[in-house]
Amino acid sequence: MTAGLLFGAPATALADPDQTLVDLVNEQRAKNGCGPVTPNPQLLTAAQRHADDYASLKTTDHAGSDSSTIASRVRDTGYKAGLAGEIMGGFGLNTDFPTRPDLINGWLNSPGHKKTMLDCRYTEIGMATAEATLQGDQYPTTFAVGVFAKPLNLPPGQ
């Protein structure tokens, strides 16, 4: 995504996690010897929070417009993470990645995104998307955020 673009319409959150992206992530993880990541509703909440922020162009960084971080967004949901990471990107007809598989390939070609996506320690995911139309564009862009985590192993009752 090119930084500095202006939006002509407000961002719209997509109601459900993007299972297609989760499936594509898990295909790549399997090809690289990792187990699948399973959707977690708390991680979805953290991902949706940042996807909405990302799509409204309040930030195009991993830091939220409210100065939140991946760690704080996950913690705010009540999820107790032993490890957490985040990937983000946009896809659509107006981007370098017209389709979901193209976005996955983009992540695979980015060392940081690839490292997170293929980290076998992660066991859970929240994959969220939000859509917005860039000013002057005919088609909307879908902004995706994947929050990967491994839960903290706590003794029972803690």
N, C-alpha and C. Protein backbone atom coordinates (compact mmCIF):
# COMPACT_ATOMS: atom_id res chain seq x y z
N MET A 1 0.84 -1.17 0.00
CA MET A 1 0.00 0.00 0.00
C MET A 1 0.88 1.23 0.00
N THR A 2 0.47 2.23 -0.72
CA THR A 2 1.20 3.48 -0.75
C THR A 2 0.75 4.36 0.40
N ALA A 3 1.68 4.84 1.18
CA ALA A 3 1.34 5.71 2.31
C ALA A 3 0.90 7.07 1.80
N GLY A 4 0.03 7.70 2.54
CA GLY A 4 -0.37 9.06 2.22
C GLY A 4 -1.60 9.16 1.34
N LEU A 5 -2.24 8.07 0.99
CA LEU A 5 -3.46 8.13 0.19
C LEU A 5 -4.62 8.56 1.06
N LEU A 6 -5.53 9.28 0.48
CA LEU A 6 -6.69 9.74 1.21
C LEU A 6 -7.89 8.88 0.85
N PHE A 7 -8.78 8.71 1.79
CA PHE A 7 -9.96 7.90 1.58
C PHE A 7 -11.14 8.78 1.25
N GLY A 8 -11.98 8.30 0.34
CA GLY A 8 -13.18 9.02 -0.02
C GLY A 8 -14.39 8.53 0.73
N ALA A 9 -14.30 7.38 1.37
CA ALA A 9 -15.44 6.81 2.10
C ALA A 9 -14.93 6.24 3.41
N PRO A 10 -15.79 6.21 4.44
CA PRO A 10 -15.36 5.66 5.72
C PRO A 10 -15.08 4.16 5.62
N ALA A 11 -14.25 3.68 6.51
CA ALA A 11 -13.94 2.25 6.55
C ALA A 11 -15.14 1.47 7.03
N THR A 12 -15.29 0.28 6.49
CA THR A 12 -16.37 -0.61 6.88
C THR A 12 -15.78 -1.92 7.34
N ALA A 13 -16.07 -2.33 8.56
CA ALA A 13 -15.58 -3.61 9.06
C ALA A 13 -16.36 -4.74 8.41
N LEU A 14 -15.67 -5.78 8.02
CA LEU A 14 -16.34 -6.96 7.50
C LEU A 14 -16.74 -7.81 8.70
N ALA A 15 -17.93 -8.36 8.67
CA ALA A 15 -18.54 -8.95 9.85
C ALA A 15 -17.82 -10.19 10.38
N ASP A 16 -17.28 -11.03 9.52
CA ASP A 16 -16.72 -12.30 9.96
C ASP A 16 -15.21 -12.33 9.71
N PRO A 17 -14.50 -13.17 10.47
CA PRO A 17 -13.08 -13.31 10.17
C PRO A 17 -12.91 -13.84 8.76
N ASP A 18 -11.85 -13.47 8.11
CA ASP A 18 -11.62 -13.89 6.74
C ASP A 18 -11.03 -15.30 6.75
N GLN A 19 -11.91 -16.27 6.75
CA GLN A 19 -11.48 -17.67 6.84
C GLN A 19 -10.62 -18.07 5.65
N THR A 20 -10.88 -17.46 4.48
CA THR A 20 -10.05 -17.78 3.32
C THR A 20 -8.60 -17.42 3.59
N LEU A 21 -8.35 -16.26 4.17
CA LEU A 21 -6.97 -15.89 4.49
C LEU A 21 -6.37 -16.84 5.53
N VAL A 22 -7.15 -17.22 6.52
CA VAL A 22 -6.66 -18.18 7.52
C VAL A 22 -6.30 -19.50 6.84
N ASP A 23 -7.16 -19.96 5.94
CA ASP A 23 -6.88 -21.21 5.22
C ASP A 23 -5.60 -21.10 4.40
N LEU A 24 -5.42 -19.96 3.72
CA LEU A 24 -4.21 -19.76 2.91
C LEU A 24 -2.96 -19.69 3.79
N VAL A 25 -3.07 -19.04 4.94
CA VAL A 25 -1.96 -19.01 5.89
C VAL A 25 -1.62 -20.43 6.33
N ASN A 26 -2.64 -21.21 6.66
CA ASN A 26 -2.40 -22.58 7.13
C ASN A 26 -1.82 -23.47 6.04
N GLU A 27 -2.19 -23.23 4.78
CA GLU A 27 -1.57 -23.98 3.67
C GLU A 27 -0.06 -23.72 3.65
N GLN A 28 0.32 -22.46 3.78
CA GLN A 28 1.74 -22.12 3.77
C GLN A 28 2.46 -22.67 5.00
N ARG A 29 1.80 -22.63 6.13
CA ARG A 29 2.40 -23.18 7.35
C ARG A 29 2.64 -24.69 7.18
N ALA A 30 1.67 -25.40 6.61
CA ALA A 30 1.82 -26.84 6.39
C ALA A 30 2.98 -27.13 5.44
N LYS A 31 3.11 -26.33 4.39
CA LYS A 31 4.21 -26.51 3.43
C LYS A 31 5.57 -26.30 4.09
N ASN A 32 5.58 -25.59 5.19
CA ASN A 32 6.83 -25.27 5.88
C ASN A 32 6.98 -26.02 7.20
N GLY A 33 6.18 -27.09 7.38
CA GLY A 33 6.33 -27.96 8.53
C GLY A 33 5.71 -27.46 9.82
N CYS A 34 4.85 -26.46 9.74
CA CYS A 34 4.19 -25.92 10.94
C CYS A 34 2.77 -26.46 11.05
N GLY A 35 2.29 -26.55 12.27
CA GLY A 35 0.89 -26.88 12.48
C GLY A 35 0.01 -25.69 12.14
N PRO A 36 -1.29 -25.93 12.01
CA PRO A 36 -2.21 -24.84 11.69
C PRO A 36 -2.41 -23.91 12.89
N VAL A 37 -2.80 -22.69 12.59
CA VAL A 37 -3.25 -21.77 13.63
C VAL A 37 -4.78 -21.82 13.62
N THR A 38 -5.37 -21.84 14.80
CA THR A 38 -6.83 -21.91 14.90
C THR A 38 -7.37 -20.54 15.31
N PRO A 39 -8.53 -20.17 14.75
CA PRO A 39 -9.11 -18.87 15.07
C PRO A 39 -9.46 -18.76 16.56
N ASN A 40 -9.19 -17.59 17.10
CA ASN A 40 -9.49 -17.29 18.50
C ASN A 40 -10.27 -15.98 18.53
N PRO A 41 -11.43 -15.93 19.18
CA PRO A 41 -12.25 -14.72 19.16
C PRO A 41 -11.59 -13.50 19.80
N GLN A 42 -10.77 -13.71 20.82
CA GLN A 42 -10.08 -12.56 21.43
C GLN A 42 -9.04 -11.98 20.48
N LEU A 43 -8.33 -12.86 19.78
CA LEU A 43 -7.34 -12.38 18.81
C LEU A 43 -8.04 -11.71 17.63
N LEU A 44 -9.22 -12.21 17.27
CA LEU A 44 -10.01 -11.56 16.22
C LEU A 44 -10.37 -10.14 16.64
N THR A 45 -10.75 -9.96 17.90
CA THR A 45 -11.08 -8.62 18.40
C THR A 45 -9.87 -7.69 18.28
N ALA A 46 -8.69 -8.18 18.67
CA ALA A 46 -7.47 -7.37 18.56
C ALA A 46 -7.16 -7.04 17.11
N ALA A 47 -7.32 -8.03 16.24
CA ALA A 47 -7.05 -7.82 14.82
C ALA A 47 -8.05 -6.84 14.20
N GLN A 48 -9.33 -6.99 14.56
CA GLN A 48 -10.35 -6.10 13.99
C GLN A 48 -10.12 -4.66 14.42
N ARG A 49 -9.72 -4.48 15.67
CA ARG A 49 -9.43 -3.13 16.17
C ARG A 49 -8.38 -2.45 15.29
N HIS A 50 -7.33 -3.20 14.96
CA HIS A 50 -6.26 -2.59 14.17
C HIS A 50 -6.63 -2.52 12.69
N ALA A 51 -7.38 -3.48 12.18
CA ALA A 51 -7.82 -3.42 10.78
C ALA A 51 -8.69 -2.19 10.55
N ASP A 52 -9.59 -1.93 11.48
CA ASP A 52 -10.44 -0.74 11.36
C ASP A 52 -9.60 0.53 11.36
N ASP A 53 -8.61 0.57 12.24
CA ASP A 53 -7.72 1.72 12.34
C ASP A 53 -6.91 1.87 11.05
N TYR A 54 -6.38 0.76 10.58
CA TYR A 54 -5.57 0.71 9.37
C TYR A 54 -6.39 1.22 8.18
N ALA A 55 -7.61 0.74 8.04
CA ALA A 55 -8.45 1.11 6.90
C ALA A 55 -8.90 2.56 6.95
N SER A 56 -9.03 3.11 8.12
CA SER A 56 -9.46 4.51 8.22
C SER A 56 -8.27 5.46 8.05
N LEU A 57 -7.08 4.90 7.82
CA LEU A 57 -5.85 5.64 7.57
C LEU A 57 -5.44 6.54 8.72
N LYS A 58 -5.85 6.15 9.91
CA LYS A 58 -5.33 6.84 11.08
C LYS A 58 -3.89 6.40 11.31
N THR A 59 -3.56 5.24 10.79
CA THR A 59 -2.18 4.74 10.86
C THR A 59 -1.99 3.68 9.78
N THR A 60 -0.80 3.59 9.26
CA THR A 60 -0.45 2.50 8.36
C THR A 60 0.74 1.74 8.95
N ASP A 61 0.85 1.81 10.24
CA ASP A 61 1.96 1.20 10.96
C ASP A 61 1.40 0.16 11.92
N HIS A 62 2.28 -0.61 12.52
CA HIS A 62 1.82 -1.57 13.52
C HIS A 62 1.41 -0.88 14.82
N ALA A 63 1.81 0.36 15.00
CA ALA A 63 1.32 1.15 16.14
C ALA A 63 -0.03 1.75 15.76
N GLY A 64 -0.99 1.64 16.64
CA GLY A 64 -2.31 2.19 16.37
C GLY A 64 -2.34 3.70 16.49
N SER A 65 -3.38 4.31 15.96
CA SER A 65 -3.52 5.76 16.05
C SER A 65 -3.65 6.21 17.51
N ASP A 66 -4.03 5.28 18.38
CA ASP A 66 -4.13 5.56 19.82
C ASP A 66 -2.85 5.14 20.56
N SER A 67 -1.78 4.92 19.82
CA SER A 67 -0.48 4.47 20.33
C SER A 67 -0.49 3.03 20.83
N SER A 68 -1.55 2.29 20.54
CA SER A 68 -1.59 0.88 20.94
C SER A 68 -0.55 0.09 20.16
N THR A 69 -0.15 -1.03 20.74
CA THR A 69 0.79 -1.95 20.12
C THR A 69 0.10 -3.31 20.00
N ILE A 70 0.73 -4.21 19.29
CA ILE A 70 0.17 -5.55 19.21
C ILE A 70 0.00 -6.12 20.61
N ALA A 71 0.98 -5.92 21.47
CA ALA A 71 0.89 -6.46 22.84
C ALA A 71 -0.27 -5.84 23.60
N SER A 72 -0.45 -4.54 23.50
CA SER A 72 -1.55 -3.91 24.26
C SER A 72 -2.91 -4.27 23.69
N ARG A 73 -3.01 -4.38 22.36
CA ARG A 73 -4.31 -4.75 21.77
C ARG A 73 -4.71 -6.17 22.17
N VAL A 74 -3.75 -7.08 22.19
CA VAL A 74 -4.03 -8.45 22.62
C VAL A 74 -4.38 -8.47 24.11
N ARG A 75 -3.60 -7.80 24.91
CA ARG A 75 -3.84 -7.75 26.36
C ARG A 75 -5.21 -7.14 26.67
N ASP A 76 -5.61 -6.11 25.92
CA ASP A 76 -6.91 -5.46 26.16
C ASP A 76 -8.09 -6.40 25.96
N THR A 77 -7.90 -7.48 25.21
CA THR A 77 -8.99 -8.44 25.01
C THR A 77 -9.09 -9.45 26.16
N GLY A 78 -8.09 -9.45 27.04
CA GLY A 78 -8.05 -10.43 28.12
C GLY A 78 -7.27 -11.69 27.77
N TYR A 79 -6.79 -11.78 26.53
CA TYR A 79 -6.00 -12.93 26.11
C TYR A 79 -4.64 -12.87 26.80
N LYS A 80 -4.20 -13.99 27.32
CA LYS A 80 -2.90 -14.08 27.98
C LYS A 80 -1.93 -14.76 27.02
N ALA A 81 -1.12 -13.94 26.35
CA ALA A 81 -0.22 -14.45 25.32
C ALA A 81 1.16 -14.72 25.89
N GLY A 82 1.70 -15.87 25.53
CA GLY A 82 3.10 -16.15 25.80
C GLY A 82 3.96 -15.58 24.68
N LEU A 83 3.35 -15.41 23.51
CA LEU A 83 4.03 -14.91 22.32
C LEU A 83 2.96 -14.35 21.40
N ALA A 84 3.21 -13.20 20.79
CA ALA A 84 2.24 -12.62 19.85
C ALA A 84 2.98 -11.89 18.74
N GLY A 85 2.40 -11.91 17.56
CA GLY A 85 2.94 -11.21 16.40
C GLY A 85 1.81 -10.77 15.50
N GLU A 86 2.13 -9.89 14.56
CA GLU A 86 1.09 -9.30 13.72
C GLU A 86 1.62 -9.11 12.31
N ILE A 87 0.75 -9.37 11.33
CA ILE A 87 1.04 -9.03 9.94
C ILE A 87 -0.13 -8.22 9.42
N MET A 88 0.14 -7.35 8.46
CA MET A 88 -0.94 -6.55 7.90
C MET A 88 -0.62 -6.20 6.46
N GLY A 89 -1.67 -5.96 5.69
CA GLY A 89 -1.51 -5.58 4.30
C GLY A 89 -2.86 -5.36 3.66
N GLY A 90 -2.84 -4.81 2.47
CA GLY A 90 -4.09 -4.55 1.76
C GLY A 90 -4.14 -5.30 0.45
N PHE A 91 -5.36 -5.66 0.04
CA PHE A 91 -5.53 -6.28 -1.26
C PHE A 91 -6.77 -5.72 -1.94
N GLY A 92 -6.77 -5.80 -3.26
CA GLY A 92 -7.89 -5.30 -4.05
C GLY A 92 -7.39 -4.87 -5.42
N LEU A 93 -8.31 -4.52 -6.29
CA LEU A 93 -7.98 -4.20 -7.67
C LEU A 93 -7.08 -2.98 -7.81
N ASN A 94 -7.06 -2.11 -6.81
CA ASN A 94 -6.24 -0.90 -6.89
C ASN A 94 -4.88 -1.06 -6.22
N THR A 95 -4.51 -2.26 -5.81
CA THR A 95 -3.26 -2.48 -5.07
C THR A 95 -2.32 -3.39 -5.85
N ASP A 96 -1.13 -3.60 -5.31
CA ASP A 96 -0.19 -4.55 -5.90
C ASP A 96 -0.64 -5.99 -5.69
N PHE A 97 -1.62 -6.19 -4.82
CA PHE A 97 -2.11 -7.53 -4.49
C PHE A 97 -3.61 -7.58 -4.74
N PRO A 98 -4.04 -7.91 -5.98
CA PRO A 98 -5.47 -7.88 -6.29
C PRO A 98 -6.32 -8.91 -5.55
N THR A 99 -5.72 -10.03 -5.16
CA THR A 99 -6.50 -11.12 -4.55
C THR A 99 -5.88 -11.54 -3.21
N ARG A 100 -6.64 -12.35 -2.48
CA ARG A 100 -6.12 -12.88 -1.21
C ARG A 100 -4.84 -13.70 -1.42
N PRO A 101 -4.81 -14.63 -2.41
CA PRO A 101 -3.56 -15.36 -2.63
C PRO A 101 -2.39 -14.44 -2.98
N ASP A 102 -2.66 -13.35 -3.70
CA ASP A 102 -1.59 -12.40 -4.00
C ASP A 102 -1.07 -11.74 -2.72
N LEU A 103 -1.97 -11.43 -1.80
CA LEU A 103 -1.55 -10.85 -0.52
C LEU A 103 -0.68 -11.84 0.25
N ILE A 104 -1.10 -13.10 0.29
CA ILE A 104 -0.29 -14.13 0.96
C ILE A 104 1.10 -14.19 0.34
N ASN A 105 1.18 -14.17 -1.00
CA ASN A 105 2.48 -14.19 -1.67
C ASN A 105 3.30 -12.95 -1.32
N GLY A 106 2.63 -11.80 -1.20
CA GLY A 106 3.32 -10.59 -0.77
C GLY A 106 3.91 -10.76 0.62
N TRP A 107 3.13 -11.34 1.52
CA TRP A 107 3.64 -11.59 2.87
C TRP A 107 4.83 -12.56 2.84
N LEU A 108 4.74 -13.57 1.98
CA LEU A 108 5.84 -14.54 1.88
C LEU A 108 7.11 -13.90 1.33
N ASN A 109 6.96 -12.86 0.52
CA ASN A 109 8.11 -12.17 -0.05
C ASN A 109 8.63 -11.04 0.82
N SER A 110 8.03 -10.85 1.97
CA SER A 110 8.48 -9.85 2.94
C SER A 110 9.08 -10.59 4.13
N PRO A 111 10.37 -10.45 4.37
CA PRO A 111 11.00 -11.25 5.43
C PRO A 111 10.30 -11.17 6.79
N GLY A 112 9.90 -10.00 7.21
CA GLY A 112 9.25 -9.86 8.52
C GLY A 112 7.89 -10.53 8.57
N HIS A 113 7.09 -10.32 7.51
CA HIS A 113 5.77 -10.95 7.47
C HIS A 113 5.89 -12.47 7.39
N LYS A 114 6.82 -12.93 6.55
CA LYS A 114 7.03 -14.37 6.39
C LYS A 114 7.45 -15.01 7.71
N LYS A 115 8.36 -14.35 8.42
CA LYS A 115 8.84 -14.88 9.70
C LYS A 115 7.68 -15.07 10.67
N THR A 116 6.80 -14.09 10.74
CA THR A 116 5.65 -14.19 11.65
C THR A 116 4.69 -15.27 11.19
N MET A 117 4.33 -15.25 9.91
CA MET A 117 3.33 -16.18 9.39
C MET A 117 3.79 -17.64 9.53
N LEU A 118 5.09 -17.87 9.37
CA LEU A 118 5.59 -19.25 9.39
C LEU A 118 6.30 -19.62 10.69
N ASP A 119 6.07 -18.86 11.74
CA ASP A 119 6.64 -19.19 13.05
C ASP A 119 5.82 -20.33 13.65
N CYS A 120 6.42 -21.49 13.74
CA CYS A 120 5.71 -22.69 14.19
C CYS A 120 5.28 -22.63 15.66
N ARG A 121 5.78 -21.67 16.40
CA ARG A 121 5.37 -21.55 17.80
C ARG A 121 3.95 -21.02 17.94
N TYR A 122 3.46 -20.29 16.95
CA TYR A 122 2.10 -19.75 17.03
C TYR A 122 1.08 -20.86 16.85
N THR A 123 0.03 -20.82 17.65
CA THR A 123 -1.02 -21.84 17.58
C THR A 123 -2.40 -21.26 17.33
N GLU A 124 -2.56 -19.95 17.50
CA GLU A 124 -3.87 -19.32 17.34
C GLU A 124 -3.74 -18.05 16.51
N ILE A 125 -4.88 -17.65 15.92
CA ILE A 125 -4.88 -16.48 15.05
C ILE A 125 -6.20 -15.73 15.17
N GLY A 126 -6.13 -14.45 14.94
CA GLY A 126 -7.29 -13.61 14.68
C GLY A 126 -7.01 -12.93 13.36
N MET A 127 -7.83 -13.18 12.35
CA MET A 127 -7.64 -12.56 11.03
C MET A 127 -8.84 -11.68 10.77
N ALA A 128 -8.61 -10.40 10.66
CA ALA A 128 -9.71 -9.45 10.47
C ALA A 128 -9.45 -8.59 9.24
N THR A 129 -10.53 -8.13 8.64
CA THR A 129 -10.44 -7.26 7.49
C THR A 129 -11.38 -6.07 7.65
N ALA A 130 -11.01 -4.99 7.02
CA ALA A 130 -11.86 -3.81 6.94
C ALA A 130 -11.68 -3.24 5.54
N GLU A 131 -12.71 -2.67 5.02
CA GLU A 131 -12.71 -2.21 3.64
C GLU A 131 -12.91 -0.70 3.59
N ALA A 132 -12.20 -0.07 2.66
CA ALA A 132 -12.37 1.37 2.44
C ALA A 132 -12.04 1.66 0.98
N THR A 133 -12.64 2.69 0.46
CA THR A 133 -12.34 3.12 -0.91
C THR A 133 -11.40 4.31 -0.84
N LEU A 134 -10.27 4.18 -1.49
CA LEU A 134 -9.31 5.26 -1.54
C LEU A 134 -9.86 6.37 -2.42
N GLN A 135 -9.59 7.60 -2.04
CA GLN A 135 -10.08 8.73 -2.82
C GLN A 135 -9.58 8.61 -4.25
N GLY A 136 -10.51 8.71 -5.19
CA GLY A 136 -10.16 8.63 -6.60
C GLY A 136 -10.17 7.22 -7.17
N ASP A 137 -10.30 6.22 -6.33
CA ASP A 137 -10.32 4.84 -6.81
C ASP A 137 -11.75 4.38 -7.05
N GLN A 138 -11.90 3.54 -8.04
CA GLN A 138 -13.22 3.01 -8.37
C GLN A 138 -13.58 1.84 -7.46
N TYR A 139 -12.59 1.10 -7.02
CA TYR A 139 -12.84 -0.12 -6.26
C TYR A 139 -12.30 0.02 -4.83
N PRO A 140 -12.93 -0.66 -3.88
CA PRO A 140 -12.43 -0.60 -2.50
C PRO A 140 -11.17 -1.45 -2.32
N THR A 141 -10.44 -1.14 -1.29
CA THR A 141 -9.29 -1.93 -0.86
C THR A 141 -9.68 -2.61 0.45
N THR A 142 -9.32 -3.86 0.57
CA THR A 142 -9.54 -4.60 1.81
C THR A 142 -8.23 -4.64 2.58
N PHE A 143 -8.28 -4.17 3.81
CA PHE A 143 -7.11 -4.13 4.68
C PHE A 143 -7.20 -5.30 5.65
N ALA A 144 -6.16 -6.11 5.66
CA ALA A 144 -6.16 -7.33 6.49
C ALA A 144 -5.11 -7.22 7.59
N VAL A 145 -5.49 -7.69 8.76
CA VAL A 145 -4.56 -7.77 9.89
C VAL A 145 -4.68 -9.18 10.47
N GLY A 146 -3.55 -9.84 10.58
CA GLY A 146 -3.49 -11.15 11.21
C GLY A 146 -2.73 -11.05 12.52
N VAL A 147 -3.37 -11.44 13.60
CA VAL A 147 -2.71 -11.47 14.91
C VAL A 147 -2.46 -12.93 15.26
N PHE A 148 -1.21 -13.28 15.39
CA PHE A 148 -0.79 -14.64 15.72
C PHE A 148 -0.39 -14.69 17.18
N ALA A 149 -0.70 -15.79 17.86
CA ALA A 149 -0.31 -15.89 19.26
C ALA A 149 -0.18 -17.33 19.70
N LYS A 150 0.53 -17.48 20.78
CA LYS A 150 0.60 -18.73 21.53
C LYS A 150 0.17 -18.36 22.94
N PRO A 151 -0.83 -19.05 23.49
CA PRO A 151 -1.28 -18.69 24.84
C PRO A 151 -0.20 -18.98 25.88
N LEU A 152 -0.22 -18.16 26.90
CA LEU A 152 0.67 -18.34 28.04
C LEU A 152 0.19 -19.56 28.81
N ASN A 153 1.09 -20.45 29.10
CA ASN A 153 0.73 -21.64 29.87
C ASN A 153 0.73 -21.27 31.34
N LEU A 154 -0.46 -21.09 31.89
CA LEU A 154 -0.61 -20.74 33.30
C LEU A 154 -1.11 -21.94 34.08
N PRO A 155 -0.75 -22.05 35.34
CA PRO A 155 -1.33 -23.10 36.17
C PRO A 155 -2.84 -22.91 36.27
N PRO A 156 -3.60 -24.00 36.48
CA PRO A 156 -5.05 -23.88 36.61
C PRO A 156 -5.44 -22.85 37.67
N GLY A 157 -6.48 -22.08 37.37
CA GLY A 157 -7.00 -21.10 38.30
C GLY A 157 -6.32 -19.74 38.24
N GLN A 158 -5.37 -19.56 37.32
CA GLN A 158 -4.70 -18.25 37.22
C GLN A 158 -5.01 -17.59 35.91
